[in-house]
Protein backbone atom coordinates (compact mmCIF):
# COMPACT_ATOMS: atom_id res chain seq x y z
CA MET A 1 101.09 307.79 -206.30
CA GLY A 2 98.45 308.17 -203.59
CA SER A 3 98.33 306.61 -200.14
CA THR A 4 97.07 303.06 -199.83
CA GLY A 5 95.30 304.04 -196.62
CA ASN A 6 96.72 301.11 -194.63
CA GLY A 7 99.90 302.63 -193.28
CA ILE A 8 102.02 301.22 -196.11
CA GLY A 9 104.03 303.71 -198.20
CA SER A 10 104.49 303.69 -201.94
CA PHE A 11 107.36 301.17 -201.64
CA GLY A 12 105.34 298.73 -199.55
CA VAL A 13 107.24 299.43 -196.29
CA SER A 14 105.59 300.61 -193.09
CA SER A 15 106.80 303.97 -191.81
CA GLY A 16 107.54 302.29 -188.52
CA HIS A 17 109.55 299.36 -189.85
CA THR A 18 112.69 298.19 -188.08
CA GLY A 19 114.36 296.49 -191.05
CA ALA A 20 117.66 297.33 -192.73
CA THR A 21 118.28 301.01 -193.43
CA SER A 22 121.36 300.88 -195.66
CA ILE A 23 122.79 298.86 -198.52
CA GLU A 24 125.50 297.56 -196.18
CA GLU A 25 122.87 296.24 -193.75
CA LEU A 26 120.85 294.69 -196.55
CA LEU A 27 123.92 292.87 -197.83
CA LYS A 28 124.48 291.41 -194.36
CA MET A 29 120.89 290.20 -193.93
CA PRO A 30 120.57 286.40 -193.62
CA THR A 31 118.76 284.47 -196.33
CA PRO A 32 116.40 281.53 -195.72
CA GLN A 33 118.23 278.27 -195.06
CA ASP A 34 116.34 276.59 -197.89
CA SER A 35 117.51 279.18 -200.44
CA THR A 36 120.93 279.14 -202.10
CA ILE A 37 122.11 281.96 -204.35
CA VAL A 38 124.24 280.45 -207.11
CA GLU A 39 126.39 282.70 -209.30
CA TYR A 40 126.72 281.05 -212.72
CA ILE A 41 130.10 282.04 -214.26
CA TRP A 42 131.25 281.54 -217.83
CA ILE A 43 133.90 282.67 -220.34
CA ASP A 44 132.57 285.12 -222.93
CA GLY A 45 133.31 285.54 -226.64
CA THR A 46 136.62 287.30 -226.02
CA MET A 47 137.83 284.05 -224.42
CA GLU A 48 139.67 286.24 -221.89
CA ASN A 49 136.84 287.63 -219.75
CA CYS A 50 134.28 286.19 -217.36
CA ARG A 51 130.57 286.97 -217.24
CA SER A 52 128.14 285.89 -214.52
CA LYS A 53 124.56 286.07 -213.31
CA ALA A 54 122.81 284.78 -210.20
CA ARG A 55 119.75 282.63 -209.55
CA THR A 56 117.93 281.29 -206.50
CA VAL A 57 117.98 277.55 -205.94
CA CYS A 58 115.34 276.52 -203.38
CA LYS A 59 117.49 274.03 -201.49
CA GLN A 60 120.96 273.67 -200.06
CA VAL A 61 123.36 272.49 -202.75
CA THR A 62 126.13 270.01 -201.96
CA SER A 63 126.98 268.77 -205.47
CA VAL A 64 127.20 270.39 -208.89
CA ASP A 65 124.91 267.60 -210.14
CA GLN A 66 122.07 269.23 -208.17
CA LEU A 67 122.20 272.34 -210.36
CA SER A 68 120.18 272.61 -213.55
CA LYS A 69 121.28 274.10 -216.84
CA TRP A 70 120.47 277.76 -217.47
CA ASN A 71 120.77 280.15 -220.40
CA PHE A 72 121.75 283.68 -221.38
CA ASP A 73 121.67 286.08 -224.33
CA GLY A 74 124.75 285.19 -226.34
CA SER A 75 124.26 288.09 -228.74
CA SER A 76 125.31 290.41 -225.90
CA THR A 77 128.50 288.49 -225.11
CA GLY A 78 129.85 287.87 -228.61
CA GLN A 79 128.74 284.22 -228.55
CA ALA A 80 125.59 284.03 -230.68
CA PRO A 81 123.70 285.98 -233.38
CA GLY A 82 120.71 288.10 -232.39
CA GLU A 83 118.24 285.99 -234.38
CA ASP A 84 119.25 282.83 -232.46
CA SER A 85 120.83 284.18 -229.30
CA GLU A 86 120.16 281.54 -226.64
CA VAL A 87 123.28 279.98 -225.13
CA ILE A 88 123.02 277.16 -222.59
CA LEU A 89 125.01 277.23 -219.35
CA VAL A 90 126.11 273.78 -218.15
CA PRO A 91 127.24 273.69 -214.47
CA ARG A 92 130.62 271.94 -214.05
CA SER A 93 132.15 272.81 -210.65
CA ILE A 94 131.04 274.67 -207.52
CA TYR A 95 132.84 276.75 -204.88
CA ARG A 96 131.83 278.67 -201.76
CA ASP A 97 130.89 282.30 -202.45
CA PRO A 98 133.09 284.64 -200.34
CA PHE A 99 130.96 287.67 -201.22
CA ARG A 100 127.59 286.34 -200.06
CA GLY A 101 128.87 283.82 -197.52
CA GLY A 102 126.65 281.19 -195.92
CA GLN A 103 125.50 278.37 -198.17
CA HIS A 104 125.78 280.49 -201.33
CA LEU A 105 127.91 279.28 -204.23
CA LEU A 106 129.92 280.17 -207.31
CA CYS A 107 129.52 277.81 -210.26
CA MET A 108 131.92 277.47 -213.20
CA CYS A 109 129.97 276.64 -216.34
CA GLU A 110 130.50 275.51 -219.91
CA CYS A 111 128.67 277.16 -222.82
CA GLU A 112 126.74 275.07 -225.35
CA ASP A 113 124.29 275.79 -228.15
CA PRO A 114 120.70 274.55 -227.70
CA HIS A 115 121.64 271.28 -229.43
CA GLY A 116 124.33 270.44 -226.88
CA ASN A 117 127.35 271.41 -228.98
CA PRO A 118 130.21 273.28 -227.25
CA LEU A 119 130.60 276.89 -228.44
CA PRO A 120 133.98 277.94 -229.91
CA SER A 121 134.62 279.84 -226.66
CA ASN A 122 134.07 276.65 -224.66
CA THR A 123 137.66 275.41 -224.46
CA ARG A 124 136.85 273.39 -221.35
CA ALA A 125 135.00 270.74 -223.37
CA ASN A 126 138.06 269.77 -225.43
CA ALA A 127 140.30 269.91 -222.36
CA ALA A 128 137.97 267.52 -220.53
CA LYS A 129 138.25 265.04 -223.40
CA ILE A 130 142.05 265.12 -223.21
CA PHE A 131 142.11 264.73 -219.43
CA SER A 132 139.67 261.80 -219.59
CA ASP A 133 141.93 259.88 -221.99
CA PRO A 134 143.20 256.82 -220.07
CA LYS A 135 146.83 257.61 -221.00
CA VAL A 136 146.50 261.06 -219.44
CA ASP A 137 144.23 260.16 -216.53
CA GLY A 138 146.49 257.26 -215.59
CA GLU A 139 149.47 259.60 -215.22
CA VAL A 140 147.58 261.87 -212.77
CA PRO A 141 148.86 265.20 -214.16
CA TRP A 142 149.40 267.94 -211.59
CA TYR A 143 149.57 271.66 -212.36
CA GLY A 144 150.64 274.71 -210.41
CA ILE A 145 149.99 277.99 -212.24
CA GLU A 146 151.67 281.27 -211.32
CA GLN A 147 149.28 284.05 -212.33
CA GLU A 148 150.89 287.49 -212.65
CA TYR A 149 148.77 290.64 -213.01
CA ALA A 150 149.08 294.41 -212.85
CA LEU A 151 146.84 296.84 -210.95
CA LEU A 152 145.85 300.03 -212.76
CA ASP A 153 144.23 303.26 -211.61
CA ALA A 154 140.68 303.21 -212.99
CA LYS A 155 140.76 306.90 -213.96
CA THR A 156 144.20 307.13 -215.56
CA ASN A 157 144.68 303.48 -216.66
CA TRP A 158 148.22 303.88 -215.30
CA PRO A 159 149.78 301.49 -212.75
CA LEU A 160 148.54 302.00 -209.22
CA GLY A 161 150.90 304.13 -207.15
CA TRP A 162 153.00 305.33 -210.09
CA PRO A 163 153.51 309.07 -210.62
CA GLU A 164 150.69 310.30 -212.87
CA GLN A 165 151.86 309.67 -216.47
CA GLY A 166 155.35 309.31 -215.02
CA PHE A 167 157.60 306.48 -213.92
CA PRO A 168 158.95 305.21 -210.62
CA GLY A 169 162.60 304.32 -210.11
CA PRO A 170 164.06 301.38 -212.05
CA GLN A 171 163.15 297.80 -211.18
CA GLY A 172 165.04 296.19 -208.35
CA PRO A 173 163.47 297.28 -205.03
CA TYR A 174 159.92 296.09 -205.72
CA TYR A 175 159.97 292.28 -205.88
CA CYS A 176 158.55 290.84 -202.62
CA ALA A 177 159.09 294.30 -201.13
CA VAL A 178 157.55 296.10 -198.16
CA GLY A 179 157.04 299.82 -197.74
CA ALA A 180 154.73 302.52 -199.08
CA ASN A 181 157.39 303.74 -201.51
CA LYS A 182 157.71 300.28 -203.08
CA ILE A 183 154.31 298.56 -202.89
CA SER A 184 150.79 299.44 -204.08
CA GLY A 185 147.68 297.27 -203.82
CA ARG A 186 148.66 294.88 -201.04
CA GLU A 187 145.14 295.03 -199.59
CA ILE A 188 143.76 293.75 -202.91
CA CYS A 189 146.30 290.91 -203.00
CA ASP A 190 145.48 289.91 -199.41
CA ALA A 191 141.71 290.16 -199.90
CA HIS A 192 142.02 287.96 -202.97
CA PHE A 193 144.16 285.44 -201.09
CA LYS A 194 141.52 285.06 -198.37
CA ALA A 195 138.65 284.98 -200.86
CA CYS A 196 140.34 282.12 -202.74
CA LEU A 197 140.88 280.18 -199.51
CA TYR A 198 137.25 280.73 -198.47
CA ALA A 199 136.04 279.57 -201.87
CA GLY A 200 138.01 276.34 -201.46
CA LEU A 201 140.59 277.01 -204.15
CA GLN A 202 144.04 275.47 -203.84
CA ILE A 203 145.85 278.80 -203.69
CA SER A 204 149.36 278.17 -202.44
CA GLY A 205 150.80 281.67 -202.12
CA THR A 206 151.14 285.27 -203.29
CA ASN A 207 153.93 287.81 -203.72
CA GLY A 208 154.73 291.25 -205.04
CA GLU A 209 156.37 291.07 -208.47
CA VAL A 210 159.32 292.75 -210.20
CA MET A 211 157.42 295.68 -211.73
CA PRO A 212 155.84 298.00 -209.14
CA SER A 213 152.06 297.44 -208.89
CA GLN A 214 152.51 293.95 -210.32
CA TRP A 215 151.48 290.94 -208.23
CA GLU A 216 151.37 287.17 -208.47
CA TYR A 217 149.41 284.33 -206.92
CA GLN A 218 149.79 280.60 -207.39
CA ILE A 219 146.98 278.06 -207.82
CA GLY A 220 147.92 274.43 -207.29
CA PRO A 221 148.80 271.70 -207.18
CA CYS A 222 145.57 270.81 -209.00
CA GLU A 223 144.84 267.65 -210.94
CA GLY A 224 143.70 267.73 -214.56
CA ILE A 225 140.63 269.80 -215.45
CA SER A 226 140.41 271.19 -211.91
CA SER A 227 143.41 273.41 -212.67
CA GLY A 228 141.51 275.31 -215.36
CA ASP A 229 138.33 275.53 -213.27
CA GLN A 230 140.16 276.93 -210.26
CA MET A 231 142.21 279.39 -212.32
CA TRP A 232 139.09 280.86 -213.93
CA ILE A 233 137.31 281.14 -210.57
CA SER A 234 140.39 282.81 -209.07
CA ARG A 235 140.39 285.35 -211.92
CA TYR A 236 136.69 285.98 -211.35
CA LEU A 237 137.36 286.63 -207.65
CA LEU A 238 140.20 289.00 -208.51
CA GLU A 239 138.01 290.97 -210.92
CA ARG A 240 135.23 291.25 -208.32
CA ILE A 241 137.59 292.43 -205.60
CA CYS A 242 139.15 295.02 -207.91
CA GLU A 243 135.64 296.12 -208.88
CA MET A 244 134.88 296.73 -205.20
CA ALA A 245 138.12 298.67 -204.80
CA GLY A 246 137.60 300.76 -207.94
CA VAL A 247 140.83 299.41 -209.44
CA VAL A 248 141.41 297.79 -212.85
CA VAL A 249 143.23 294.47 -213.08
CA SER A 250 145.29 293.91 -216.24
CA LEU A 251 146.33 290.50 -217.60
CA ASP A 252 148.15 292.10 -220.52
CA PRO A 253 151.46 290.25 -221.07
CA LYS A 254 153.34 293.55 -221.33
CA PRO A 255 151.26 296.16 -219.48
CA ILE A 256 153.95 298.86 -219.71
CA PRO A 257 156.33 299.02 -222.71
CA GLY A 258 160.03 299.52 -222.13
CA ASP A 259 162.37 298.36 -219.39
CA TRP A 260 159.67 296.73 -217.26
CA ASN A 261 158.89 293.08 -216.68
CA GLY A 262 155.90 291.61 -218.47
CA SER A 263 153.26 289.39 -216.89
CA GLY A 264 153.23 285.64 -217.38
CA ALA A 265 151.35 282.59 -216.17
CA HIS A 266 154.12 280.04 -215.67
CA VAL A 267 152.84 276.47 -215.57
CA ASN A 268 154.49 273.95 -213.24
CA TYR A 269 153.73 270.42 -214.41
CA SER A 270 154.36 266.85 -213.36
CA THR A 271 153.03 263.37 -213.96
CA GLU A 272 153.10 260.30 -211.77
CA SER A 273 156.09 258.98 -213.72
CA MET A 274 157.95 262.28 -213.25
CA ARG A 275 157.28 262.24 -209.51
CA ALA A 276 158.54 258.66 -209.14
CA ASP A 277 162.17 257.58 -208.75
CA GLY A 278 163.99 258.08 -212.05
CA GLY A 279 161.50 260.75 -213.06
CA LEU A 280 164.15 263.16 -214.31
CA ALA A 281 164.60 261.04 -217.42
CA VAL A 282 160.85 261.25 -218.04
CA ILE A 283 161.01 265.03 -217.55
CA LYS A 284 163.79 265.39 -220.12
CA LYS A 285 161.85 263.28 -222.62
CA ALA A 286 158.76 265.45 -222.09
CA ILE A 287 160.81 268.63 -222.58
CA GLY A 288 162.04 267.22 -225.89
CA LYS A 289 158.43 266.76 -226.99
CA LEU A 290 157.65 270.35 -226.02
CA GLU A 291 160.61 271.58 -228.05
CA ALA A 292 159.33 269.72 -231.12
CA LYS A 293 155.93 271.44 -230.73
CA HIS A 294 157.26 274.88 -229.72
CA GLU A 295 155.49 276.84 -232.45
CA GLU A 296 152.14 275.15 -231.79
CA HIS A 297 152.39 275.91 -228.09
CA ILE A 298 153.38 279.54 -228.60
CA LYS A 299 150.26 280.09 -230.73
CA ALA A 300 148.13 278.75 -227.86
CA TYR A 301 149.93 280.50 -225.01
CA GLY A 302 148.20 283.91 -225.05
CA GLU A 303 147.61 287.02 -227.14
CA GLY A 304 150.38 289.63 -227.32
CA ASN A 305 152.97 287.25 -225.91
CA GLU A 306 155.50 288.38 -228.53
CA ARG A 307 155.73 291.70 -226.63
CA ARG A 308 156.80 289.78 -223.52
CA LEU A 309 158.95 286.89 -224.78
CA THR A 310 161.86 288.99 -226.03
CA GLY A 311 164.79 287.24 -224.38
CA ALA A 312 164.99 290.04 -221.79
CA HIS A 313 163.28 290.60 -218.45
CA GLU A 314 163.56 286.96 -217.32
CA THR A 315 162.12 285.50 -220.53
CA ALA A 316 163.34 283.35 -223.40
CA SER A 317 162.98 284.48 -226.99
CA ILE A 318 159.64 283.57 -228.54
CA ASP A 319 161.48 282.27 -231.63
CA ALA A 320 163.78 279.74 -229.93
CA PHE A 321 163.09 276.96 -227.44
CA SER A 322 165.51 276.47 -224.56
CA TRP A 323 165.60 274.74 -221.21
CA GLY A 324 167.95 274.66 -218.26
CA VAL A 325 168.34 273.95 -214.57
CA ALA A 326 167.46 276.98 -212.43
CA ASN A 327 167.49 279.18 -215.56
CA ARG A 328 164.73 281.78 -215.44
CA GLY A 329 165.70 283.00 -218.88
CA ALA A 330 164.81 279.65 -220.47
CA SER A 331 161.56 278.49 -222.06
CA VAL A 332 161.41 275.63 -219.56
CA ARG A 333 163.09 275.59 -216.16
CA VAL A 334 164.00 272.53 -214.09
CA GLY A 335 164.61 273.20 -210.41
CA ARG A 336 167.88 272.46 -208.60
CA GLU A 337 166.02 270.24 -206.16
CA VAL A 338 164.55 268.22 -209.05
CA GLU A 339 168.02 267.73 -210.51
CA ARG A 340 169.37 266.70 -207.12
CA GLU A 341 166.57 264.23 -206.30
CA GLY A 342 166.23 262.95 -209.86
CA LYS A 343 162.45 263.43 -209.96
CA GLY A 344 159.74 266.05 -209.61
CA TYR A 345 158.36 268.61 -212.06
CA PHE A 346 159.29 271.27 -214.60
CA GLU A 347 158.13 274.84 -215.19
CA ASP A 348 156.94 276.02 -218.61
CA ARG A 349 157.69 279.76 -218.47
CA ARG A 350 156.27 280.63 -221.90
CA PRO A 351 152.51 281.10 -221.21
CA ALA A 352 151.34 284.72 -221.04
CA SER A 353 149.28 286.13 -218.18
CA ASN A 354 146.15 286.18 -220.37
CA MET A 355 146.45 282.53 -221.49
CA ASP A 356 143.45 280.21 -221.27
CA PRO A 357 144.31 277.64 -218.56
CA TYR A 358 142.04 275.02 -220.14
CA VAL A 359 143.93 275.31 -223.44
CA VAL A 360 147.42 275.41 -221.95
CA THR A 361 147.10 272.63 -219.37
CA SER A 362 145.43 270.22 -221.79
CA LEU A 363 147.92 271.01 -224.57
CA ILE A 364 150.87 270.26 -222.27
CA ALA A 365 149.23 266.94 -221.34
CA LYS A 366 148.49 266.13 -224.99
CA THR A 367 152.03 266.90 -226.15
CA THR A 368 153.81 265.04 -223.36
CA LEU A 369 151.46 262.06 -222.94
CA LEU A 370 149.56 261.53 -226.21
């Protein structure tokens, strides 16, 4: 390509420019105050993974109602055939973007066909119907979800910090541990914690888990549909942070076979009646309803969960429902404090780490309230 003759090179930049000179500097450059970058996020055809793409909105955005629908090629995400591939993105909730900062946003979306019908992968639509039912809405359901995950070396697909194709010492020293010989990936856990707080998620804590290179964070308490929205955004943030670190995050319910703990997504749940005086009786009645629907719930609680719910490693058997006070080997646990005060919440310990929070939270509400 020849010279333009006006001092501008082939890339349209003057040889004497004083702009950014590296990717890092470009990423830190401010954007115009009347431009907001919005990352549209959705669940793809696997119903376990997020996809996203960004667009410029020429204004500052303060409400999700200010965002228009968008679209994407569903034939490339397992959500539409190639001959009719357009899928519509419907904005549902917005959060601050910790990667771009400023006024930029993350947006959780639903997927619809061009006629306005929810796609099979759009489990949020059905959950929203359940949570809008007056019997459910009137009970103000709260959720706190404990998301466990494992960190894997991107090259070996083996847990971070483990001997290559070997094993560390038996479980025991790793839960909530400190020390280089016990913990791997703390910087990822901490970066994710801060990113969730910046985004405005109701993240309540984190901890190292029983298996080395396994971590947990908790989202909640959240009310109704917000629980699913915030869980999916938190997973998106975790994936992005691991992408930056060159590490793979696994939500497999049993990432390593053998004498190692699996990964769950325990759901802590309460209603207004459970939180009121005398709520323990309401809790016990709800647990009875869960027992009656045990098989239905297990089918909805995540793929591969049978490898985790074996009756060992702090789990109940997948084939039998049980509950108890302070019993971490039960399907449902009631806390000592709840028993003592006669009100509060219970913990459904059956959901797998890869469960769909829209499906699980709405099914618990449907079973216990409808």
